[in-house]
Amino acid sequence: GRGPKGEVWKFADDFPALLEASVALLSDTPLF
């Protein structure tokens, strides 16, 4: 995919970093 400013997204390259950054946002009592 591409972001709003033309950023290129490739799952294999970009998803692991996004997943780690997103999981870091979870509270102390996450649900799912």
Full PDB file with SEQRES, HELIX, SHEET, SSBOND, CRYST1, ORIGX, SCALE, CONECT and MASTER records, all heavy atoms in Angstrom:
SEQRES   1 A   32  GLY ARG GLY PRO LYS GLY GLU VAL TRP LYS PHE ALA ASP          
SEQRES   2 A   32  ASP PHE PRO ALA LEU LEU GLU ALA SER VAL ALA LEU LEU          
SEQRES   3 A   32  SER ASP THR PRO LEU PHE                                      
HELIX    1 AA1 PHE A   11  VAL A   23  1                                  13    
CRYST1    1.000    1.000    1.000  90.00  90.00  90.00 P 1           1          
ORIGX1      1.000000  0.000000  0.000000        0.00000                         
ORIGX2      0.000000  1.000000  0.000000        0.00000                         
ORIGX3      0.000000  0.000000  1.000000        0.00000                         
SCALE1      1.000000  0.000000  0.000000        0.00000                         
SCALE2      0.000000  1.000000  0.000000        0.00000                         
SCALE3      0.000000  0.000000  1.000000        0.00000                         
ATOM      1  N   GLY A   1       0.822  -1.203   0.000  1.00  0.00           N  
ATOM      2  CA  GLY A   1       0.000   0.000   0.000  1.00  0.00           C  
ATOM      3  C   GLY A   1       0.854   1.251   0.000  1.00  0.00           C  
ATOM      4  O   GLY A   1       2.083   1.184   0.059  1.00  0.00           O  
ATOM      5  N   ARG A   2       0.164   2.387  -0.046  1.00  0.00           N  
ATOM      6  CA  ARG A   2       0.840   3.683   0.011  1.00  0.00           C  
ATOM      7  C   ARG A   2       0.150   4.581   1.026  1.00  0.00           C  
ATOM      8  O   ARG A   2      -1.076   4.565   1.144  1.00  0.00           O  
ATOM      9  CB  ARG A   2       0.839   4.362  -1.360  1.00  0.00           C  
ATOM     10  CG  ARG A   2       1.696   3.648  -2.402  1.00  0.00           C  
ATOM     11  CD  ARG A   2       1.822   4.452  -3.677  1.00  0.00           C  
ATOM     12  NE  ARG A   2       2.607   3.739  -4.677  1.00  0.00           N  
ATOM     13  CZ  ARG A   2       3.929   3.770  -4.747  1.00  0.00           C  
ATOM     14  NH1 ARG A   2       4.617   4.488  -3.873  1.00  0.00           N  
ATOM     15  NH2 ARG A   2       4.568   3.097  -5.693  1.00  0.00           N  
ATOM     16  N   GLY A   3       0.959   5.338   1.755  1.00  0.00           N  
ATOM     17  CA  GLY A   3       0.443   6.265   2.736  1.00  0.00           C  
ATOM     18  C   GLY A   3      -0.057   7.539   2.098  1.00  0.00           C  
ATOM     19  O   GLY A   3       0.040   7.731   0.882  1.00  0.00           O  
ATOM     20  N   PRO A   4      -0.592   8.466   2.915  1.00  0.00           N  
ATOM     21  CA  PRO A   4      -1.171   9.700   2.378  1.00  0.00           C  
ATOM     22  C   PRO A   4      -0.151  10.592   1.690  1.00  0.00           C  
ATOM     23  O   PRO A   4      -0.514  11.446   0.880  1.00  0.00           O  
ATOM     24  CB  PRO A   4      -1.757  10.382   3.627  1.00  0.00           C  
ATOM     25  CG  PRO A   4      -1.028   9.775   4.780  1.00  0.00           C  
ATOM     26  CD  PRO A   4      -0.715   8.373   4.371  1.00  0.00           C  
ATOM     27  N   LYS A   5       1.132  10.420   1.985  1.00  0.00           N  
ATOM     28  CA  LYS A   5       2.182  11.208   1.342  1.00  0.00           C  
ATOM     29  C   LYS A   5       3.040  10.353   0.422  1.00  0.00           C  
ATOM     30  O   LYS A   5       4.194  10.679   0.145  1.00  0.00           O  
ATOM     31  CB  LYS A   5       3.040  11.885   2.406  1.00  0.00           C  
ATOM     32  CG  LYS A   5       2.277  12.896   3.251  1.00  0.00           C  
ATOM     33  CD  LYS A   5       3.175  13.597   4.248  1.00  0.00           C  
ATOM     34  CE  LYS A   5       2.396  14.617   5.074  1.00  0.00           C  
ATOM     35  NZ  LYS A   5       3.270  15.306   6.056  1.00  0.00           N  
ATOM     36  N   GLY A   6       2.475   9.241  -0.044  1.00  0.00           N  
ATOM     37  CA  GLY A   6       3.184   8.385  -0.981  1.00  0.00           C  
ATOM     38  C   GLY A   6       4.098   7.358  -0.347  1.00  0.00           C  
ATOM     39  O   GLY A   6       4.851   6.671  -1.044  1.00  0.00           O  
ATOM     40  N   GLU A   7       4.043   7.221   0.986  1.00  0.00           N  
ATOM     41  CA  GLU A   7       4.883   6.237   1.650  1.00  0.00           C  
ATOM     42  C   GLU A   7       4.539   4.833   1.146  1.00  0.00           C  
ATOM     43  O   GLU A   7       3.368   4.471   1.041  1.00  0.00           O  
ATOM     44  CB  GLU A   7       4.673   6.282   3.170  1.00  0.00           C  
ATOM     45  CG  GLU A   7       4.889   7.652   3.796  1.00  0.00           C  
ATOM     46  CD  GLU A   7       3.611   8.448   3.952  1.00  0.00           C  
ATOM     47  OE1 GLU A   7       2.675   8.227   3.151  1.00  0.00           O  
ATOM     48  OE2 GLU A   7       3.542   9.278   4.865  1.00  0.00           O  
ATOM     49  N   VAL A   8       5.563   4.049   0.851  1.00  0.00           N  
ATOM     50  CA  VAL A   8       5.347   2.687   0.364  1.00  0.00           C  
ATOM     51  C   VAL A   8       5.289   1.723   1.542  1.00  0.00           C  
ATOM     52  O   VAL A   8       6.134   1.757   2.442  1.00  0.00           O  
ATOM     53  CB  VAL A   8       6.469   2.269  -0.606  1.00  0.00           C  
ATOM     54  CG1 VAL A   8       6.295   0.805  -1.022  1.00  0.00           C  
ATOM     55  CG2 VAL A   8       6.459   3.161  -1.842  1.00  0.00           C  
ATOM     56  N   TRP A   9       4.278   0.876   1.546  1.00  0.00           N  
ATOM     57  CA  TRP A   9       4.102  -0.130   2.598  1.00  0.00           C  
ATOM     58  C   TRP A   9       4.258  -1.515   1.993  1.00  0.00           C  
ATOM     59  O   TRP A   9       3.609  -1.851   1.005  1.00  0.00           O  
ATOM     60  CB  TRP A   9       2.711   0.002   3.225  1.00  0.00           C  
ATOM     61  CG  TRP A   9       2.287  -1.200   4.012  1.00  0.00           C  
ATOM     62  CD1 TRP A   9       1.676  -2.335   3.535  1.00  0.00           C  
ATOM     63  CD2 TRP A   9       2.462  -1.414   5.418  1.00  0.00           C  
ATOM     64  NE1 TRP A   9       1.456  -3.228   4.549  1.00  0.00           N  
ATOM     65  CE2 TRP A   9       1.932  -2.702   5.718  1.00  0.00           C  
ATOM     66  CE3 TRP A   9       3.003  -0.645   6.446  1.00  0.00           C  
ATOM     67  CZ2 TRP A   9       1.929  -3.218   7.006  1.00  0.00           C  
ATOM     68  CZ3 TRP A   9       3.001  -1.169   7.729  1.00  0.00           C  
ATOM     69  CH2 TRP A   9       2.464  -2.436   7.998  1.00  0.00           C  
ATOM     70  N   LYS A  10       5.135  -2.321   2.576  1.00  0.00           N  
ATOM     71  CA  LYS A  10       5.277  -3.727   2.215  1.00  0.00           C  
ATOM     72  C   LYS A  10       5.182  -4.549   3.491  1.00  0.00           C  
ATOM     73  O   LYS A  10       5.935  -4.320   4.439  1.00  0.00           O  
ATOM     74  CB  LYS A  10       6.607  -3.979   1.507  1.00  0.00           C  
ATOM     75  CG  LYS A  10       6.728  -3.315   0.146  1.00  0.00           C  
ATOM     76  CD  LYS A  10       8.047  -3.666  -0.529  1.00  0.00           C  
ATOM     77  CE  LYS A  10       8.148  -3.014  -1.897  1.00  0.00           C  
ATOM     78  NZ  LYS A  10       9.447  -3.341  -2.563  1.00  0.00           N  
ATOM     79  N   PHE A  11       4.280  -5.498   3.502  1.00  0.00           N  
ATOM     80  CA  PHE A  11       3.974  -6.221   4.733  1.00  0.00           C  
ATOM     81  C   PHE A  11       5.222  -6.841   5.361  1.00  0.00           C  
ATOM     82  O   PHE A  11       5.496  -6.646   6.552  1.00  0.00           O  
ATOM     83  CB  PHE A  11       2.928  -7.308   4.463  1.00  0.00           C  
ATOM     84  CG  PHE A  11       2.603  -8.126   5.678  1.00  0.00           C  
ATOM     85  CD1 PHE A  11       1.673  -7.671   6.598  1.00  0.00           C  
ATOM     86  CD2 PHE A  11       3.239  -9.339   5.916  1.00  0.00           C  
ATOM     87  CE1 PHE A  11       1.386  -8.413   7.737  1.00  0.00           C  
ATOM     88  CE2 PHE A  11       2.952 -10.085   7.050  1.00  0.00           C  
ATOM     89  CZ  PHE A  11       2.027  -9.618   7.962  1.00  0.00           C  
ATOM     90  N   ALA A  12       5.976  -7.604   4.583  1.00  0.00           N  
ATOM     91  CA  ALA A  12       7.127  -8.326   5.144  1.00  0.00           C  
ATOM     92  C   ALA A  12       8.165  -7.373   5.712  1.00  0.00           C  
ATOM     93  O   ALA A  12       8.823  -7.681   6.718  1.00  0.00           O  
ATOM     94  CB  ALA A  12       7.748  -9.225   4.084  1.00  0.00           C  
ATOM     95  N   ASP A  13       8.316  -6.215   5.099  1.00  0.00           N  
ATOM     96  CA  ASP A  13       9.326  -5.255   5.546  1.00  0.00           C  
ATOM     97  C   ASP A  13       8.848  -4.394   6.703  1.00  0.00           C  
ATOM     98  O   ASP A  13       9.625  -4.065   7.611  1.00  0.00           O  
ATOM     99  CB  ASP A  13       9.734  -4.333   4.389  1.00  0.00           C  
ATOM    100  CG  ASP A  13      10.406  -5.078   3.254  1.00  0.00           C  
ATOM    101  OD1 ASP A  13      10.966  -6.167   3.504  1.00  0.00           O  
ATOM    102  OD2 ASP A  13      10.361  -4.571   2.107  1.00  0.00           O  
ATOM    103  N   ASP A  14       7.574  -4.012   6.684  1.00  0.00           N  
ATOM    104  CA  ASP A  14       7.093  -2.960   7.577  1.00  0.00           C  
ATOM    105  C   ASP A  14       6.215  -3.427   8.731  1.00  0.00           C  
ATOM    106  O   ASP A  14       6.116  -2.729   9.746  1.00  0.00           O  
ATOM    107  CB  ASP A  14       6.319  -1.918   6.761  1.00  0.00           C  
ATOM    108  CG  ASP A  14       7.186  -1.269   5.697  1.00  0.00           C  
ATOM    109  OD1 ASP A  14       8.331  -0.914   6.013  1.00  0.00           O  
ATOM    110  OD2 ASP A  14       6.719  -1.141   4.548  1.00  0.00           O  
ATOM    111  N   PHE A  15       5.559  -4.579   8.577  1.00  0.00           N  
ATOM    112  CA  PHE A  15       4.596  -4.952   9.607  1.00  0.00           C  
ATOM    113  C   PHE A  15       5.226  -5.293  10.957  1.00  0.00           C  
ATOM    114  O   PHE A  15       4.678  -4.906  11.994  1.00  0.00           O  
ATOM    115  CB  PHE A  15       3.712  -6.113   9.146  1.00  0.00           C  
ATOM    116  CG  PHE A  15       2.650  -6.455  10.156  1.00  0.00           C  
ATOM    117  CD1 PHE A  15       1.596  -5.586  10.385  1.00  0.00           C  
ATOM    118  CD2 PHE A  15       2.725  -7.620  10.900  1.00  0.00           C  
ATOM    119  CE1 PHE A  15       0.619  -5.876  11.328  1.00  0.00           C  
ATOM    120  CE2 PHE A  15       1.764  -7.917  11.844  1.00  0.00           C  
ATOM    121  CZ  PHE A  15       0.701  -7.046  12.062  1.00  0.00           C  
ATOM    122  N   PRO A  16       6.345  -6.021  11.017  1.00  0.00           N  
ATOM    123  CA  PRO A  16       6.897  -6.337  12.343  1.00  0.00           C  
ATOM    124  C   PRO A  16       7.141  -5.101  13.208  1.00  0.00           C  
ATOM    125  O   PRO A  16       6.814  -5.091  14.405  1.00  0.00           O  
ATOM    126  CB  PRO A  16       8.206  -7.074  12.005  1.00  0.00           C  
ATOM    127  CG  PRO A  16       7.927  -7.718  10.690  1.00  0.00           C  
ATOM    128  CD  PRO A  16       7.097  -6.709   9.942  1.00  0.00           C  
ATOM    129  N   ALA A  17       7.697  -4.046  12.612  1.00  0.00           N  
ATOM    130  CA  ALA A  17       7.945  -2.824  13.387  1.00  0.00           C  
ATOM    131  C   ALA A  17       6.634  -2.175  13.820  1.00  0.00           C  
ATOM    132  O   ALA A  17       6.519  -1.679  14.959  1.00  0.00           O  
ATOM    133  CB  ALA A  17       8.770  -1.839  12.562  1.00  0.00           C  
ATOM    134  N   LEU A  18       5.636  -2.168  12.937  1.00  0.00           N  
ATOM    135  CA  LEU A  18       4.341  -1.591  13.297  1.00  0.00           C  
ATOM    136  C   LEU A  18       3.691  -2.392  14.418  1.00  0.00           C  
ATOM    137  O   LEU A  18       3.122  -1.820  15.353  1.00  0.00           O  
ATOM    138  CB  LEU A  18       3.412  -1.555  12.087  1.00  0.00           C  
ATOM    139  CG  LEU A  18       1.976  -1.106  12.388  1.00  0.00           C  
ATOM    140  CD1 LEU A  18       1.951   0.307  12.945  1.00  0.00           C  
ATOM    141  CD2 LEU A  18       1.100  -1.211  11.149  1.00  0.00           C  
ATOM    142  N   LEU A  19       3.769  -3.707  14.347  1.00  0.00           N  
ATOM    143  CA  LEU A  19       3.155  -4.534  15.376  1.00  0.00           C  
ATOM    144  C   LEU A  19       3.784  -4.261  16.740  1.00  0.00           C  
ATOM    145  O   LEU A  19       3.079  -4.116  17.749  1.00  0.00           O  
ATOM    146  CB  LEU A  19       3.295  -6.014  15.009  1.00  0.00           C  
ATOM    147  CG  LEU A  19       2.695  -7.018  15.994  1.00  0.00           C  
ATOM    148  CD1 LEU A  19       1.209  -6.758  16.210  1.00  0.00           C  
ATOM    149  CD2 LEU A  19       2.918  -8.447  15.506  1.00  0.00           C  
ATOM    150  N   GLU A  20       5.100  -4.174  16.788  1.00  0.00           N  
ATOM    151  CA  GLU A  20       5.767  -3.895  18.056  1.00  0.00           C  
ATOM    152  C   GLU A  20       5.383  -2.518  18.594  1.00  0.00           C  
ATOM    153  O   GLU A  20       5.133  -2.359  19.798  1.00  0.00           O  
ATOM    154  CB  GLU A  20       7.280  -4.008  17.890  1.00  0.00           C  
ATOM    155  CG  GLU A  20       7.761  -5.439  17.672  1.00  0.00           C  
ATOM    156  CD  GLU A  20       9.267  -5.566  17.725  1.00  0.00           C  
ATOM    157  OE1 GLU A  20       9.926  -4.569  18.100  1.00  0.00           O  
ATOM    158  OE2 GLU A  20       9.784  -6.650  17.413  1.00  0.00           O  
ATOM    159  N   ALA A  21       5.323  -1.523  17.711  1.00  0.00           N  
ATOM    160  CA  ALA A  21       4.944  -0.180  18.149  1.00  0.00           C  
ATOM    161  C   ALA A  21       3.499  -0.140  18.633  1.00  0.00           C  
ATOM    162  O   ALA A  21       3.168   0.578  19.587  1.00  0.00           O  
ATOM    163  CB  ALA A  21       5.140   0.812  17.002  1.00  0.00           C  
ATOM    164  N   SER A  22       2.635  -0.914  18.001  1.00  0.00           N  
ATOM    165  CA  SER A  22       1.218  -0.925  18.372  1.00  0.00           C  
ATOM    166  C   SER A  22       0.986  -1.678  19.676  1.00  0.00           C  
ATOM    167  O   SER A  22       0.220  -1.227  20.540  1.00  0.00           O  
ATOM    168  CB  SER A  22       0.400  -1.559  17.247  1.00  0.00           C  
ATOM    169  OG  SER A  22       0.584  -0.855  16.038  1.00  0.00           O  
ATOM    170  N   VAL A  23       1.640  -2.815  19.836  1.00  0.00           N  
ATOM    171  CA  VAL A  23       1.495  -3.591  21.070  1.00  0.00           C  
ATOM    172  C   VAL A  23       2.004  -2.800  22.269  1.00  0.00           C  
ATOM    173  O   VAL A  23       1.484  -2.930  23.389  1.00  0.00           O  
ATOM    174  CB  VAL A  23       2.232  -4.943  20.923  1.00  0.00           C  
ATOM    175  CG1 VAL A  23       2.461  -5.598  22.271  1.00  0.00           C  
ATOM    176  CG2 VAL A  23       1.431  -5.873  20.013  1.00  0.00           C  
ATOM    177  N   ALA A  24       2.999  -1.940  22.050  1.00  0.00           N  
ATOM    178  CA  ALA A  24       3.514  -1.098  23.131  1.00  0.00           C  
ATOM    179  C   ALA A  24       2.460  -0.126  23.649  1.00  0.00           C  
ATOM    180  O   ALA A  24       2.607   0.421  24.749  1.00  0.00           O  
ATOM    181  CB  ALA A  24       4.739  -0.336  22.652  1.00  0.00           C  
ATOM    182  N   LEU A  25       1.387   0.084  22.881  1.00  0.00           N  
ATOM    183  CA  LEU A  25       0.310   0.980  23.300  1.00  0.00           C  
ATOM    184  C   LEU A  25      -0.725   0.291  24.177  1.00  0.00           C  
ATOM    185  O   LEU A  25      -1.635   0.948  24.687  1.00  0.00           O  
ATOM    186  CB  LEU A  25      -0.395   1.562  22.064  1.00  0.00           C  
ATOM    187  CG  LEU A  25       0.445   2.425  21.123  1.00  0.00           C  
ATOM    188  CD1 LEU A  25      -0.386   2.839  19.915  1.00  0.00           C  
ATOM    189  CD2 LEU A  25       0.983   3.651  21.842  1.00  0.00           C  
ATOM    190  N   LEU A  26      -0.612  -1.011  24.353  1.00  0.00           N  
ATOM    191  CA  LEU A  26      -1.618  -1.730  25.133  1.00  0.00           C  
ATOM    192  C   LEU A  26      -1.525  -1.380  26.614  1.00  0.00           C  
ATOM    193  O   LEU A  26      -0.447  -1.153  27.162  1.00  0.00           O  
ATOM    194  CB  LEU A  26      -1.452  -3.238  24.942  1.00  0.00           C  
ATOM    195  CG  LEU A  26      -1.847  -3.777  23.567  1.00  0.00           C  
ATOM    196  CD1 LEU A  26      -1.468  -5.248  23.444  1.00  0.00           C  
ATOM    197  CD2 LEU A  26      -3.343  -3.592  23.310  1.00  0.00           C  
ATOM    198  N   SER A  27      -2.674  -1.371  27.243  1.00  0.00           N  
ATOM    199  CA  SER A  27      -2.755  -1.064  28.674  1.00  0.00           C  
ATOM    200  C   SER A  27      -2.222  -2.230  29.504  1.00  0.00           C  
ATOM    201  O   SER A  27      -1.830  -3.272  28.966  1.00  0.00           O  
ATOM    202  CB  SER A  27      -4.213  -0.782  29.049  1.00  0.00           C  
ATOM    203  OG  SER A  27      -4.988  -1.977  28.938  1.00  0.00           O  
ATOM    204  N   ASP A  28      -2.247  -2.057  30.804  1.00  0.00           N  
ATOM    205  CA  ASP A  28      -1.793  -3.130  31.702  1.00  0.00           C  
ATOM    206  C   ASP A  28      -2.778  -4.284  31.756  1.00  0.00           C  
ATOM    207  O   ASP A  28      -2.426  -5.379  32.207  1.00  0.00           O  
ATOM    208  CB  ASP A  28      -1.579  -2.581  33.114  1.00  0.00           C  
ATOM    209  CG  ASP A  28      -0.408  -1.609  33.194  1.00  0.00           C  
ATOM    210  OD1 ASP A  28       0.502  -1.719  32.347  1.00  0.00           O  
ATOM    211  OD2 ASP A  28      -0.420  -0.743  34.086  1.00  0.00           O  
ATOM    212  N   THR A  29      -4.007  -4.039  31.323  1.00  0.00           N  
ATOM    213  CA  THR A  29      -5.029  -5.102  31.316  1.00  0.00           C  
ATOM    214  C   THR A  29      -5.667  -5.191  29.934  1.00  0.00           C  
ATOM    215  O   THR A  29      -6.864  -4.921  29.777  1.00  0.00           O  
ATOM    216  CB  THR A  29      -6.114  -4.825  32.387  1.00  0.00           C  
ATOM    217  OG1 THR A  29      -6.669  -3.510  32.158  1.00  0.00           O  
ATOM    218  CG2 THR A  29      -5.532  -4.910  33.790  1.00  0.00           C  
ATOM    219  N   PRO A  30      -4.895  -5.587  28.918  1.00  0.00           N  
ATOM    220  CA  PRO A  30      -5.451  -5.649  27.560  1.00  0.00           C  
ATOM    221  C   PRO A  30      -6.469  -6.768  27.429  1.00  0.00           C  
ATOM    222  O   PRO A  30      -6.403  -7.788  28.135  1.00  0.00           O  
ATOM    223  CB  PRO A  30      -4.223  -5.905  26.692  1.00  0.00           C  
ATOM    224  CG  PRO A  30      -3.266  -6.599  27.590  1.00  0.00           C  
ATOM    225  CD  PRO A  30      -3.483  -6.004  28.947  1.00  0.00           C  
ATOM    226  N   LEU A  31      -7.385  -6.581  26.491  1.00  0.00           N  
ATOM    227  CA  LEU A  31      -8.467  -7.542  26.294  1.00  0.00           C  
ATOM    228  C   LEU A  31      -8.191  -8.477  25.128  1.00  0.00           C  
ATOM    229  O   LEU A  31      -8.291  -9.705  25.254  1.00  0.00           O  
ATOM    230  CB  LEU A  31      -9.781  -6.794  26.077  1.00  0.00           C  
ATOM    231  CG  LEU A  31     -11.059  -7.620  25.990  1.00  0.00           C  
ATOM    232  CD1 LEU A  31     -11.288  -8.383  27.285  1.00  0.00           C  
ATOM    233  CD2 LEU A  31     -12.256  -6.718  25.671  1.00  0.00           C  
ATOM    234  N   PHE A  32      -7.859  -7.906  23.943  1.00  0.00           N  
ATOM    235  CA  PHE A  32      -7.579  -8.757  22.788  1.00  0.00           C  
ATOM    236  C   PHE A  32      -6.778  -7.995  21.747  1.00  0.00           C  
ATOM    237  O   PHE A  32      -6.720  -6.759  21.746  1.00  0.00           O  
ATOM    238  CB  PHE A  32      -8.867  -9.317  22.169  1.00  0.00           C  
ATOM    239  CG  PHE A  32      -9.815  -8.291  21.601  1.00  0.00           C  
ATOM    240  CD1 PHE A  32      -9.574  -7.697  20.353  1.00  0.00           C  
ATOM    241  CD2 PHE A  32     -10.967  -7.920  22.284  1.00  0.00           C  
ATOM    242  CE1 PHE A  32     -10.445  -6.759  19.823  1.00  0.00           C  
ATOM    243  CE2 PHE A  32     -11.843  -6.976  21.764  1.00  0.00           C  
ATOM    244  CZ  PHE A  32     -11.579  -6.402  20.522  1.00  0.00           C  
TER     245      PHE A  32                                                      
MASTER        0    0    0    1    0    0    0    6  244    1    0    3          
END                                                                             
